[in-house]
Amino acid sequence: MPTEEEILVFGGSGSPKLSAAICERLGVERGRSEVLRFPEGNLFVRILDSVRGRNVYLVQSTAFPANDNFMELIFWIDAFKRASAASVTALVPYFSYAKGDKKDEPRVSIRARVCADAIEAAGADRVVTMDLHAPQIQGFFKIPVDDLLGLHALSTAARELGLKDPVVVSPDIGFAKSARDFAARLNAPLAIAEKQRLDHLGKMAIHEIIGEVKGKSALIVDDFTVSGGTLVNVAERLVACGAEDVCAAVTHGVFTQECMERLDDSPIRTLLVTDTIETQPVEFSRKVQVVTVAPLFAEAIRRIHSRQSLSVLFREA
């Protein structure tokens, strides 16, 4: 049976802090590696430790810049396989292009499927990610995919926000199931915003709030935000419907400067976000509170390495 000392974790340039935190949690040294960037934009990755016959765990989020970090992920997987690693588990805390999970208009690419094919072709044996935008993306792979839940860490942090008579709010009907799970963890009722997305650039309309929010503390939950438009529009609608306090909890903060400005001007008191993305090019608003998911990913690695079931990670609060 493998021992914990044999766990070998590497971190790509998309997740240096998270990989370090995971290693600290596991009590292991992070594997040594380096990335070179050439003037024309090419990447060169090099493993500085022997991985022959080892089970390798690579932590690499794919955002800011999405394409560079995704290509780096592919190169790392290939490098480990060519260095005779016994197996490569790719931990991708934020899976870019996850919104491209279907052909919903003519002549477009199913981008998530292309990314899945590339990861598999590079030689990954397993993928561990968090809050895929569409759960069916797991089916794009022929290798095991574990989709961890950000609500574990976020719900714990939400309990410390001092919400009085809380109600959990889904920003649209599509996220209602996940929001219901979040509400169950807080022992709170659920409300749903009826949203209509008007274009690909983030323009939308909030028609109504389904559920009772008057006099309550509302917690908007979502899997990710970019411009912050949905969160702010829903928050404003909640206030108009009588909510006395509004906070939000989002797994992936794919923040733009526009998002920070909107957040500062919005009625949202606090925005909880995990550390799945740590390479944002913007300075966070004082309203943003970062919640680490390192313990969850560390436990996933520990269980995979010792051949234990991961199902318990989907049940525990």
C-alpha atoms as a PDB file:
ATOM      1  CA  MET A   1       0.000   0.000   0.000  1.00  0.00           C
ATOM      2  CA  PRO A   2       1.507   3.401  -0.967  1.00  0.00           C
ATOM      3  CA  THR A   3       2.454   5.688   1.897  1.00  0.00           C
ATOM      4  CA  GLU A   4       1.836   9.403   2.212  1.00  0.00           C
ATOM      5  CA  GLU A   5       5.581  10.074   1.837  1.00  0.00           C
ATOM      6  CA  GLU A   6       5.377   8.839  -1.738  1.00  0.00           C
ATOM      7  CA  ILE A   7       2.919  11.520  -2.806  1.00  0.00           C
ATOM      8  CA  LEU A   8       4.564  13.740  -5.414  1.00  0.00           C
ATOM      9  CA  VAL A   9       2.793  17.044  -6.116  1.00  0.00           C
ATOM     10  CA  PHE A  10       3.857  19.597  -8.727  1.00  0.00           C
ATOM     11  CA  GLY A  11       2.389  23.039  -9.297  1.00  0.00           C
ATOM     12  CA  GLY A  12       2.114  24.821 -12.624  1.00  0.00           C
ATOM     13  CA  SER A  13       2.426  28.574 -13.004  1.00  0.00           C
ATOM     14  CA  GLY A  14      -1.366  28.876 -12.912  1.00  0.00           C
ATOM     15  CA  SER A  15      -1.592  27.605  -9.310  1.00  0.00           C
ATOM     16  CA  PRO A  16       1.651  28.230  -7.377  1.00  0.00           C
ATOM     17  CA  LYS A  17       0.006  29.308  -4.112  1.00  0.00           C
ATOM     18  CA  LEU A  18      -2.714  26.676  -4.141  1.00  0.00           C
ATOM     19  CA  SER A  19      -0.242  23.878  -4.922  1.00  0.00           C
ATOM     20  CA  ALA A  20       1.998  25.082  -2.074  1.00  0.00           C
ATOM     21  CA  ALA A  21      -0.979  25.114   0.310  1.00  0.00           C
ATOM     22  CA  ILE A  22      -1.967  21.600  -0.788  1.00  0.00           C
ATOM     23  CA  CYS A  23       1.570  20.337  -0.186  1.00  0.00           C
ATOM     24  CA  GLU A  24       1.637  21.964   3.243  1.00  0.00           C
ATOM     25  CA  ARG A  25      -1.636  20.257   4.067  1.00  0.00           C
ATOM     26  CA  LEU A  26      -0.231  16.900   2.920  1.00  0.00           C
ATOM     27  CA  GLY A  27       3.082  17.454   4.697  1.00  0.00           C
ATOM     28  CA  VAL A  28       5.162  16.966   1.537  1.00  0.00           C
ATOM     29  CA  GLU A  29       7.643  19.061  -0.421  1.00  0.00           C
ATOM     30  CA  ARG A  30       6.413  20.393  -3.748  1.00  0.00           C
ATOM     31  CA  GLY A  31       8.126  18.813  -6.752  1.00  0.00           C
ATOM     32  CA  ARG A  32      10.740  20.971  -8.443  1.00  0.00           C
ATOM     33  CA  SER A  33      10.064  22.237 -11.951  1.00  0.00           C
ATOM     34  CA  GLU A  34      10.458  25.293 -14.145  1.00  0.00           C
ATOM     35  CA  VAL A  35       8.699  27.047 -17.025  1.00  0.00           C
ATOM     36  CA  LEU A  36      10.533  29.091 -19.643  1.00  0.00           C
ATOM     37  CA  ARG A  37       8.739  31.602 -21.867  1.00  0.00           C
ATOM     38  CA  PHE A  38      10.374  32.512 -25.157  1.00  0.00           C
ATOM     39  CA  PRO A  39       9.986  35.933 -26.840  1.00  0.00           C
ATOM     40  CA  GLU A  40       7.580  34.610 -29.495  1.00  0.00           C
ATOM     41  CA  GLY A  41       5.283  33.227 -26.797  1.00  0.00           C
ATOM     42  CA  ASN A  42       6.322  29.563 -26.796  1.00  0.00           C
ATOM     43  CA  LEU A  43       6.421  27.684 -23.491  1.00  0.00           C
ATOM     44  CA  PHE A  44       9.067  25.215 -22.340  1.00  0.00           C
ATOM     45  CA  VAL A  45       8.478  23.075 -19.246  1.00  0.00           C
ATOM     46  CA  ARG A  46      11.120  21.073 -17.403  1.00  0.00           C
ATOM     47  CA  ILE A  47      10.797  18.610 -14.502  1.00  0.00           C
ATOM     48  CA  LEU A  48      13.716  18.921 -12.080  1.00  0.00           C
ATOM     49  CA  ASP A  49      12.993  15.797  -9.991  1.00  0.00           C
ATOM     50  CA  SER A  50      12.907  12.168 -11.050  1.00  0.00           C
ATOM     51  CA  VAL A  51       9.349  10.904 -11.492  1.00  0.00           C
ATOM     52  CA  ARG A  52      10.140   7.472 -12.913  1.00  0.00           C
ATOM     53  CA  GLY A  53       7.613   4.974 -11.608  1.00  0.00           C
ATOM     54  CA  ARG A  54       5.936   7.614  -9.434  1.00  0.00           C
ATOM     55  CA  ASN A  55       2.277   8.619  -9.188  1.00  0.00           C
ATOM     56  CA  VAL A  56       2.336  12.327  -9.997  1.00  0.00           C
ATOM     57  CA  TYR A  57      -0.246  14.975  -9.056  1.00  0.00           C
ATOM     58  CA  LEU A  58      -0.154  18.215 -11.039  1.00  0.00           C
ATOM     59  CA  VAL A  59      -2.061  21.333  -9.894  1.00  0.00           C
ATOM     60  CA  GLN A  60      -2.746  23.810 -12.701  1.00  0.00           C
ATOM     61  CA  SER A  61      -5.707  26.152 -13.137  1.00  0.00           C
ATOM     62  CA  THR A  62      -6.356  27.456 -16.621  1.00  0.00           C
ATOM     63  CA  ALA A  63      -7.103  31.178 -16.495  1.00  0.00           C
ATOM     64  CA  PHE A  64      -5.317  34.513 -16.846  1.00  0.00           C
ATOM     65  CA  PRO A  65      -4.001  33.721 -19.392  1.00  0.00           C
ATOM     66  CA  ALA A  66      -6.362  30.877 -20.239  1.00  0.00           C
ATOM     67  CA  ASN A  67      -4.666  29.651 -23.402  1.00  0.00           C
ATOM     68  CA  ASP A  68      -1.102  29.797 -22.022  1.00  0.00           C
ATOM     69  CA  ASN A  69      -2.065  28.000 -18.832  1.00  0.00           C
ATOM     70  CA  PHE A  70      -4.017  25.360 -20.696  1.00  0.00           C
ATOM     71  CA  MET A  71      -1.115  24.667 -23.064  1.00  0.00           C
ATOM     72  CA  GLU A  72       1.222  24.521 -20.062  1.00  0.00           C
ATOM     73  CA  LEU A  73      -1.083  21.928 -18.506  1.00  0.00           C
ATOM     74  CA  ILE A  74      -0.862  19.809 -21.664  1.00  0.00           C
ATOM     75  CA  PHE A  75       2.934  20.137 -21.834  1.00  0.00           C
ATOM     76  CA  TRP A  76       3.308  19.134 -18.179  1.00  0.00           C
ATOM     77  CA  ILE A  77       1.206  16.009 -18.646  1.00  0.00           C
ATOM     78  CA  ASP A  78       3.245  15.039 -21.707  1.00  0.00           C
ATOM     79  CA  ALA A  79       6.532  15.725 -19.901  1.00  0.00           C
ATOM     80  CA  PHE A  80       5.572  13.532 -16.944  1.00  0.00           C
ATOM     81  CA  LYS A  81       4.515  10.653 -19.178  1.00  0.00           C
ATOM     82  CA  ARG A  82       7.717  10.904 -21.226  1.00  0.00           C
ATOM     83  CA  ALA A  83       9.683  10.917 -17.953  1.00  0.00           C
ATOM     84  CA  SER A  84       8.125   7.511 -17.168  1.00  0.00           C
ATOM     85  CA  ALA A  85       5.712   8.564 -14.433  1.00  0.00           C
ATOM     86  CA  ALA A  86       3.502   5.648 -13.449  1.00  0.00           C
ATOM     87  CA  SER A  87       0.410   7.879 -13.553  1.00  0.00           C
ATOM     88  CA  VAL A  88      -0.483  11.541 -13.900  1.00  0.00           C
ATOM     89  CA  THR A  89      -3.467  13.034 -12.097  1.00  0.00           C
ATOM     90  CA  ALA A  90      -4.261  16.518 -13.377  1.00  0.00           C
ATOM     91  CA  LEU A  91      -5.852  18.707 -10.727  1.00  0.00           C
ATOM     92  CA  VAL A  92      -7.501  21.548 -12.653  1.00  0.00           C
ATOM     93  CA  PRO A  93      -9.247  23.686 -10.021  1.00  0.00           C
ATOM     94  CA  TYR A  94     -10.750  25.927 -12.709  1.00  0.00           C
ATOM     95  CA  PHE A  95     -11.472  24.266 -16.064  1.00  0.00           C
ATOM     96  CA  SER A  96     -11.458  26.940 -18.764  1.00  0.00           C
ATOM     97  CA  TYR A  97     -13.824  26.701 -21.727  1.00  0.00           C
ATOM     98  CA  ALA A  98     -16.298  24.769 -19.571  1.00  0.00           C
ATOM     99  CA  LYS A  99     -19.103  26.989 -20.871  1.00  0.00           C
ATOM    100  CA  GLY A 100     -18.434  25.593 -24.358  1.00  0.00           C
ATOM    101  CA  ASP A 101     -20.160  22.307 -23.523  1.00  0.00           C
ATOM    102  CA  LYS A 102     -22.650  22.151 -26.406  1.00  0.00           C
ATOM    103  CA  LYS A 103     -23.289  23.187 -29.994  1.00  0.00           C
ATOM    104  CA  ASP A 104     -26.061  25.657 -29.280  1.00  0.00           C
ATOM    105  CA  GLU A 105     -25.784  27.582 -32.548  1.00  0.00           C
ATOM    106  CA  PRO A 106     -24.537  26.811 -36.065  1.00  0.00           C
ATOM    107  CA  ARG A 107     -20.839  26.495 -36.934  1.00  0.00           C
ATOM    108  CA  VAL A 108     -19.362  26.683 -33.426  1.00  0.00           C
ATOM    109  CA  SER A 109     -16.831  24.503 -31.615  1.00  0.00           C
ATOM    110  CA  ILE A 110     -17.696  22.412 -28.577  1.00  0.00           C
ATOM    111  CA  ARG A 111     -14.673  23.837 -26.800  1.00  0.00           C
ATOM    112  CA  ALA A 112     -14.928  21.841 -23.581  1.00  0.00           C
ATOM    113  CA  ARG A 113     -14.840  18.615 -25.590  1.00  0.00           C
ATOM    114  CA  VAL A 114     -11.746  19.754 -27.490  1.00  0.00           C
ATOM    115  CA  CYS A 115      -9.999  20.549 -24.186  1.00  0.00           C
ATOM    116  CA  ALA A 116     -10.999  17.179 -22.754  1.00  0.00           C
ATOM    117  CA  ASP A 117      -9.643  15.388 -25.815  1.00  0.00           C
ATOM    118  CA  ALA A 118      -6.341  17.285 -25.539  1.00  0.00           C
ATOM    119  CA  ILE A 119      -5.877  16.442 -21.846  1.00  0.00           C
ATOM    120  CA  GLU A 120      -6.601  12.799 -22.542  1.00  0.00           C
ATOM    121  CA  ALA A 121      -4.351  12.664 -25.617  1.00  0.00           C
ATOM    122  CA  ALA A 122      -1.469  14.203 -23.642  1.00  0.00           C
ATOM    123  CA  GLY A 123      -1.611  11.204 -21.310  1.00  0.00           C
ATOM    124  CA  ALA A 124      -3.506  12.182 -18.160  1.00  0.00           C
ATOM    125  CA  ASP A 125      -4.796   9.198 -16.197  1.00  0.00           C
ATOM    126  CA  ARG A 126      -7.274  11.111 -14.071  1.00  0.00           C
ATOM    127  CA  VAL A 127      -8.689  14.631 -13.741  1.00  0.00           C
ATOM    128  CA  VAL A 128      -9.792  16.320 -10.527  1.00  0.00           C
ATOM    129  CA  THR A 129     -11.575  19.630 -10.909  1.00  0.00           C
ATOM    130  CA  MET A 130     -14.114  21.770  -9.067  1.00  0.00           C
ATOM    131  CA  ASP A 131     -17.626  22.904  -9.956  1.00  0.00           C
ATOM    132  CA  LEU A 132     -17.645  22.264 -13.676  1.00  0.00           C
ATOM    133  CA  HIS A 133     -20.055  24.665 -15.338  1.00  0.00           C
ATOM    134  CA  ALA A 134     -21.842  21.659 -16.826  1.00  0.00           C
ATOM    135  CA  PRO A 135     -21.589  18.238 -15.089  1.00  0.00           C
ATOM    136  CA  GLN A 136     -21.934  16.446 -18.425  1.00  0.00           C
ATOM    137  CA  ILE A 137     -18.379  17.555 -19.278  1.00  0.00           C
ATOM    138  CA  GLN A 138     -17.261  14.565 -17.193  1.00  0.00           C
ATOM    139  CA  GLY A 139     -18.679  12.442 -19.988  1.00  0.00           C
ATOM    140  CA  PHE A 140     -16.364  14.086 -22.522  1.00  0.00           C
ATOM    141  CA  PHE A 141     -13.503  12.095 -20.953  1.00  0.00           C
ATOM    142  CA  LYS A 142     -12.786   8.364 -21.118  1.00  0.00           C
ATOM    143  CA  ILE A 143     -10.675   8.656 -17.952  1.00  0.00           C
ATOM    144  CA  PRO A 144     -11.997   9.201 -14.400  1.00  0.00           C
ATOM    145  CA  VAL A 145     -13.074  12.760 -13.609  1.00  0.00           C
ATOM    146  CA  ASP A 146     -13.819  13.914 -10.063  1.00  0.00           C
ATOM    147  CA  ASP A 147     -15.830  17.139  -9.880  1.00  0.00           C
ATOM    148  CA  LEU A 148     -15.372  18.456  -6.337  1.00  0.00           C
ATOM    149  CA  LEU A 149     -17.844  20.871  -4.768  1.00  0.00           C
ATOM    150  CA  GLY A 150     -16.904  24.411  -3.828  1.00  0.00           C
ATOM    151  CA  LEU A 151     -19.926  24.649  -1.556  1.00  0.00           C
ATOM    152  CA  HIS A 152     -18.061  22.643   1.094  1.00  0.00           C
ATOM    153  CA  ALA A 153     -15.683  25.529   1.801  1.00  0.00           C
ATOM    154  CA  LEU A 154     -18.077  28.319   0.862  1.00  0.00           C
ATOM    155  CA  SER A 155     -20.938  27.156   3.071  1.00  0.00           C
ATOM    156  CA  THR A 156     -18.606  27.002   6.063  1.00  0.00           C
ATOM    157  CA  ALA A 157     -17.438  30.563   5.375  1.00  0.00           C
ATOM    158  CA  ALA A 158     -21.030  31.710   4.780  1.00  0.00           C
ATOM    159  CA  ARG A 159     -22.002  30.653   8.305  1.00  0.00           C
ATOM    160  CA  GLU A 160     -19.536  33.248   9.598  1.00  0.00           C
ATOM    161  CA  LEU A 161     -21.109  36.161   7.696  1.00  0.00           C
ATOM    162  CA  GLY A 162     -23.695  36.782  10.397  1.00  0.00           C
ATOM    163  CA  LEU A 163     -26.668  36.300   8.073  1.00  0.00           C
ATOM    164  CA  LYS A 164     -29.962  36.822   9.917  1.00  0.00           C
ATOM    165  CA  ASP A 165     -32.895  34.777   8.666  1.00  0.00           C
ATOM    166  CA  PRO A 166     -30.933  33.751   5.535  1.00  0.00           C
ATOM    167  CA  VAL A 167     -32.318  32.763   2.153  1.00  0.00           C
ATOM    168  CA  VAL A 168     -30.103  31.245  -0.544  1.00  0.00           C
ATOM    169  CA  VAL A 169     -30.701  32.686  -4.014  1.00  0.00           C
ATOM    170  CA  SER A 170     -29.927  30.975  -7.309  1.00  0.00           C
ATOM    171  CA  PRO A 171     -29.121  33.553 -10.025  1.00  0.00           C
ATOM    172  CA  ASP A 172     -31.057  31.541 -12.611  1.00  0.00           C
ATOM    173  CA  ILE A 173     -33.147  28.412 -12.973  1.00  0.00           C
ATOM    174  CA  GLY A 174     -30.220  26.394 -14.347  1.00  0.00           C
ATOM    175  CA  PHE A 175     -28.243  26.687 -11.105  1.00  0.00           C
ATOM    176  CA  ALA A 176     -31.215  25.905  -8.867  1.00  0.00           C
ATOM    177  CA  LYS A 177     -30.175  22.318  -8.023  1.00  0.00           C
ATOM    178  CA  SER A 178     -26.730  23.358  -6.802  1.00  0.00           C
ATOM    179  CA  ALA A 179     -28.243  26.303  -4.934  1.00  0.00           C
ATOM    180  CA  ARG A 180     -30.687  23.930  -3.243  1.00  0.00           C
ATOM    181  CA  ASP A 181     -27.745  21.844  -1.961  1.00  0.00           C
ATOM    182  CA  PHE A 182     -26.142  25.038  -0.635  1.00  0.00           C
ATOM    183  CA  ALA A 183     -29.401  26.020   1.056  1.00  0.00           C
ATOM    184  CA  ALA A 184     -29.646  22.605   2.711  1.00  0.00           C
ATOM    185  CA  ARG A 185     -26.200  23.088   4.252  1.00  0.00           C
ATOM    186  CA  LEU A 186     -27.292  26.419   5.721  1.00  0.00           C
ATOM    187  CA  ASN A 187     -30.727  25.093   6.695  1.00  0.00           C
ATOM    188  CA  ALA A 188     -32.203  27.983   4.708  1.00  0.00           C
ATOM    189  CA  PRO A 189     -34.992  28.327   2.128  1.00  0.00           C
ATOM    190  CA  LEU A 190     -34.289  28.785  -1.576  1.00  0.00           C
ATOM    191  CA  ALA A 191     -35.265  31.591  -3.939  1.00  0.00           C
ATOM    192  CA  ILE A 192     -34.599  31.745  -7.683  1.00  0.00           C
ATOM    193  CA  ALA A 193     -34.008  34.717  -9.949  1.00  0.00           C
ATOM    194  CA  GLU A 194     -35.620  34.461 -13.353  1.00  0.00           C
ATOM    195  CA  LYS A 195     -32.840  35.629 -15.682  1.00  0.00           C
ATOM    196  CA  GLN A 196     -32.787  36.088 -19.427  1.00  0.00           C
ATOM    197  CA  ARG A 197     -29.373  36.356 -21.098  1.00  0.00           C
ATOM    198  CA  LEU A 198     -29.678  38.689 -24.073  1.00  0.00           C
ATOM    199  CA  ASP A 199     -26.273  38.238 -25.761  1.00  0.00           C
ATOM    200  CA  HIS A 200     -22.771  36.704 -25.402  1.00  0.00           C
ATOM    201  CA  LEU A 201     -21.351  39.900 -23.897  1.00  0.00           C
ATOM    202  CA  GLY A 202     -23.102  39.604 -20.548  1.00  0.00           C
ATOM    203  CA  LYS A 203     -26.233  41.687 -21.185  1.00  0.00           C
ATOM    204  CA  MET A 204     -29.182  40.254 -19.287  1.00  0.00           C
ATOM    205  CA  ALA A 205     -32.491  40.996 -17.649  1.00  0.00           C
ATOM    206  CA  ILE A 206     -33.784  39.867 -14.241  1.00  0.00           C
ATOM    207  CA  HIS A 207     -37.547  39.524 -14.562  1.00  0.00           C
ATOM    208  CA  GLU A 208     -38.541  38.454 -11.069  1.00  0.00           C
ATOM    209  CA  ILE A 209     -37.482  36.710  -7.855  1.00  0.00           C
ATOM    210  CA  ILE A 210     -39.308  33.447  -7.220  1.00  0.00           C
ATOM    211  CA  GLY A 211     -39.535  32.947  -3.459  1.00  0.00           C
ATOM    212  CA  GLU A 212     -39.822  35.054  -0.292  1.00  0.00           C
ATOM    213  CA  VAL A 213     -36.895  37.414   0.379  1.00  0.00           C
ATOM    214  CA  LYS A 214     -38.522  40.362   2.129  1.00  0.00           C
ATOM    215  CA  GLY A 215     -36.855  41.124   5.459  1.00  0.00           C
ATOM    216  CA  LYS A 216     -34.278  38.355   4.960  1.00  0.00           C
ATOM    217  CA  SER A 217     -30.512  38.168   4.465  1.00  0.00           C
ATOM    218  CA  ALA A 218     -30.003  36.950   0.905  1.00  0.00           C
ATOM    219  CA  LEU A 219     -26.986  34.895  -0.158  1.00  0.00           C
ATOM    220  CA  ILE A 220     -26.564  34.671  -3.946  1.00  0.00           C
ATOM    221  CA  VAL A 221     -24.627  31.538  -4.979  1.00  0.00           C
ATOM    222  CA  ASP A 222     -23.103  30.698  -8.354  1.00  0.00           C
ATOM    223  CA  ASP A 223     -20.309  28.632  -9.896  1.00  0.00           C
ATOM    224  CA  PHE A 224     -18.399  31.583 -11.364  1.00  0.00           C
ATOM    225  CA  THR A 225     -18.533  35.254 -12.223  1.00  0.00           C
ATOM    226  CA  VAL A 226     -16.638  37.345 -14.778  1.00  0.00           C
ATOM    227  CA  SER A 227     -18.119  40.827 -15.122  1.00  0.00           C
ATOM    228  CA  GLY A 228     -20.231  40.572 -11.970  1.00  0.00           C
ATOM    229  CA  GLY A 229     -23.261  41.651 -13.968  1.00  0.00           C
ATOM    230  CA  THR A 230     -25.515  38.799 -12.879  1.00  0.00           C
ATOM    231  CA  LEU A 231     -24.585  39.094  -9.195  1.00  0.00           C
ATOM    232  CA  VAL A 232     -25.138  42.843  -9.104  1.00  0.00           C
ATOM    233  CA  ASN A 233     -28.394  42.760 -11.095  1.00  0.00           C
ATOM    234  CA  VAL A 234     -29.798  40.018  -8.867  1.00  0.00           C
ATOM    235  CA  ALA A 235     -28.636  41.877  -5.737  1.00  0.00           C
ATOM    236  CA  GLU A 236     -30.372  45.074  -6.849  1.00  0.00           C
ATOM    237  CA  ARG A 237     -33.543  43.133  -7.579  1.00  0.00           C
ATOM    238  CA  LEU A 238     -33.383  41.474  -4.151  1.00  0.00           C
ATOM    239  CA  VAL A 239     -33.116  44.859  -2.430  1.00  0.00           C
ATOM    240  CA  ALA A 240     -36.053  46.101  -4.487  1.00  0.00           C
ATOM    241  CA  CYS A 241     -38.010  43.070  -3.253  1.00  0.00           C
ATOM    242  CA  GLY A 242     -37.267  43.905   0.382  1.00  0.00           C
ATOM    243  CA  ALA A 243     -34.108  41.940   1.236  1.00  0.00           C
ATOM    244  CA  GLU A 244     -32.361  43.651   4.173  1.00  0.00           C
ATOM    245  CA  ASP A 245     -28.858  42.290   3.491  1.00  0.00           C
ATOM    246  CA  VAL A 246     -27.187  40.778   0.411  1.00  0.00           C
ATOM    247  CA  CYS A 247     -24.016  38.689   0.216  1.00  0.00           C
ATOM    248  CA  ALA A 248     -22.743  36.333  -2.476  1.00  0.00           C
ATOM    249  CA  ALA A 249     -20.662  33.158  -2.716  1.00  0.00           C
ATOM    250  CA  VAL A 250     -19.010  32.096  -5.966  1.00  0.00           C
ATOM    251  CA  THR A 251     -16.614  29.224  -6.569  1.00  0.00           C
ATOM    252  CA  HIS A 252     -14.567  30.688  -9.416  1.00  0.00           C
ATOM    253  CA  GLY A 253     -13.727  34.393  -9.509  1.00  0.00           C
ATOM    254  CA  VAL A 254     -12.760  35.071 -13.118  1.00  0.00           C
ATOM    255  CA  PHE A 255     -12.624  38.739 -12.254  1.00  0.00           C
ATOM    256  CA  THR A 256     -12.276  41.737 -14.547  1.00  0.00           C
ATOM    257  CA  GLN A 257     -11.683  45.316 -13.447  1.00  0.00           C
ATOM    258  CA  GLU A 258     -15.268  46.023 -14.424  1.00  0.00           C
ATOM    259  CA  CYS A 259     -16.385  43.390 -11.929  1.00  0.00           C
ATOM    260  CA  MET A 260     -14.559  45.055  -9.040  1.00  0.00           C
ATOM    261  CA  GLU A 261     -16.038  48.453  -9.884  1.00  0.00           C
ATOM    262  CA  ARG A 262     -19.536  47.006 -10.113  1.00  0.00           C
ATOM    263  CA  LEU A 263     -19.094  45.164  -6.841  1.00  0.00           C
ATOM    264  CA  ASP A 264     -17.972  48.315  -5.018  1.00  0.00           C
ATOM    265  CA  ASP A 265     -21.040  50.203  -6.268  1.00  0.00           C
ATOM    266  CA  SER A 266     -23.466  47.365  -5.556  1.00  0.00           C
ATOM    267  CA  PRO A 267     -25.568  46.495  -2.482  1.00  0.00           C
ATOM    268  CA  ILE A 268     -23.523  43.291  -2.016  1.00  0.00           C
ATOM    269  CA  ARG A 269     -21.876  43.416   1.414  1.00  0.00           C
ATOM    270  CA  THR A 270     -19.422  40.521   0.988  1.00  0.00           C
ATOM    271  CA  LEU A 271     -18.447  38.288  -1.928  1.00  0.00           C
ATOM    272  CA  LEU A 272     -16.983  34.922  -0.947  1.00  0.00           C
ATOM    273  CA  VAL A 273     -14.781  33.325  -3.598  1.00  0.00           C
ATOM    274  CA  THR A 274     -12.424  30.335  -3.523  1.00  0.00           C
ATOM    275  CA  ASP A 275      -8.748  30.346  -4.492  1.00  0.00           C
ATOM    276  CA  THR A 276      -9.191  28.142  -7.570  1.00  0.00           C
ATOM    277  CA  ILE A 277      -7.978  31.130  -9.630  1.00  0.00           C
ATOM    278  CA  GLU A 278      -5.038  33.077  -8.219  1.00  0.00           C
ATOM    279  CA  THR A 279      -3.636  34.830 -11.296  1.00  0.00           C
ATOM    280  CA  GLN A 280      -6.257  37.576 -11.675  1.00  0.00           C
ATOM    281  CA  PRO A 281      -4.839  40.780 -13.159  1.00  0.00           C
ATOM    282  CA  VAL A 282      -6.993  43.012 -10.944  1.00  0.00           C
ATOM    283  CA  GLU A 283      -6.792  44.232  -7.370  1.00  0.00           C
ATOM    284  CA  PHE A 284      -9.620  42.774  -5.321  1.00  0.00           C
ATOM    285  CA  SER A 285     -12.336  44.926  -3.855  1.00  0.00           C
ATOM    286  CA  ARG A 286     -12.409  45.076  -0.063  1.00  0.00           C
ATOM    287  CA  LYS A 287     -15.725  43.271  -0.327  1.00  0.00           C
ATOM    288  CA  VAL A 288     -14.003  40.115  -1.659  1.00  0.00           C
ATOM    289  CA  GLN A 289     -13.165  37.412   0.880  1.00  0.00           C
ATOM    290  CA  VAL A 290     -11.045  34.493  -0.385  1.00  0.00           C
ATOM    291  CA  VAL A 291     -11.785  31.002   0.936  1.00  0.00           C
ATOM    292  CA  THR A 292      -9.181  28.293   0.363  1.00  0.00           C
ATOM    293  CA  VAL A 293     -10.051  24.904  -1.128  1.00  0.00           C
ATOM    294  CA  ALA A 294      -6.576  23.477  -0.467  1.00  0.00           C
ATOM    295  CA  PRO A 295      -7.844  21.080   2.271  1.00  0.00           C
ATOM    296  CA  LEU A 296     -10.402  19.550  -0.095  1.00  0.00           C
ATOM    297  CA  PHE A 297      -7.920  19.029  -2.941  1.00  0.00           C
ATOM    298  CA  ALA A 298      -5.324  17.689  -0.496  1.00  0.00           C
ATOM    299  CA  GLU A 299      -7.802  15.152   0.851  1.00  0.00           C
ATOM    300  CA  ALA A 300      -8.732  14.156  -2.710  1.00  0.00           C
ATOM    301  CA  ILE A 301      -5.047  13.508  -3.475  1.00  0.00           C
ATOM    302  CA  ARG A 302      -4.605  11.559  -0.248  1.00  0.00           C
ATOM    303  CA  ARG A 303      -7.602   9.355  -0.998  1.00  0.00           C
ATOM    304  CA  ILE A 304      -6.671   8.757  -4.646  1.00  0.00           C
ATOM    305  CA  HIS A 305      -3.117   7.887  -3.634  1.00  0.00           C
ATOM    306  CA  SER A 306      -4.212   5.426  -0.939  1.00  0.00           C
ATOM    307  CA  ARG A 307      -6.918   3.970  -3.213  1.00  0.00           C
ATOM    308  CA  GLN A 308      -9.772   5.127  -0.986  1.00  0.00           C
ATOM    309  CA  SER A 309     -13.178   6.255  -2.163  1.00  0.00           C
ATOM    310  CA  LEU A 310     -13.752   9.951  -2.880  1.00  0.00           C
ATOM    311  CA  SER A 311     -17.507   9.713  -2.423  1.00  0.00           C
ATOM    312  CA  VAL A 312     -17.216  10.861   1.192  1.00  0.00           C
ATOM    313  CA  LEU A 313     -15.963  14.232  -0.090  1.00  0.00           C
ATOM    314  CA  PHE A 314     -19.332  14.825  -1.697  1.00  0.00           C
ATOM    315  CA  ARG A 315     -21.264  14.138   1.525  1.00  0.00           C
ATOM    316  CA  GLU A 316     -19.334  15.845   4.290  1.00  0.00           C
ATOM    317  CA  ALA A 317     -20.025  19.452   5.251  1.00  0.00           C
END
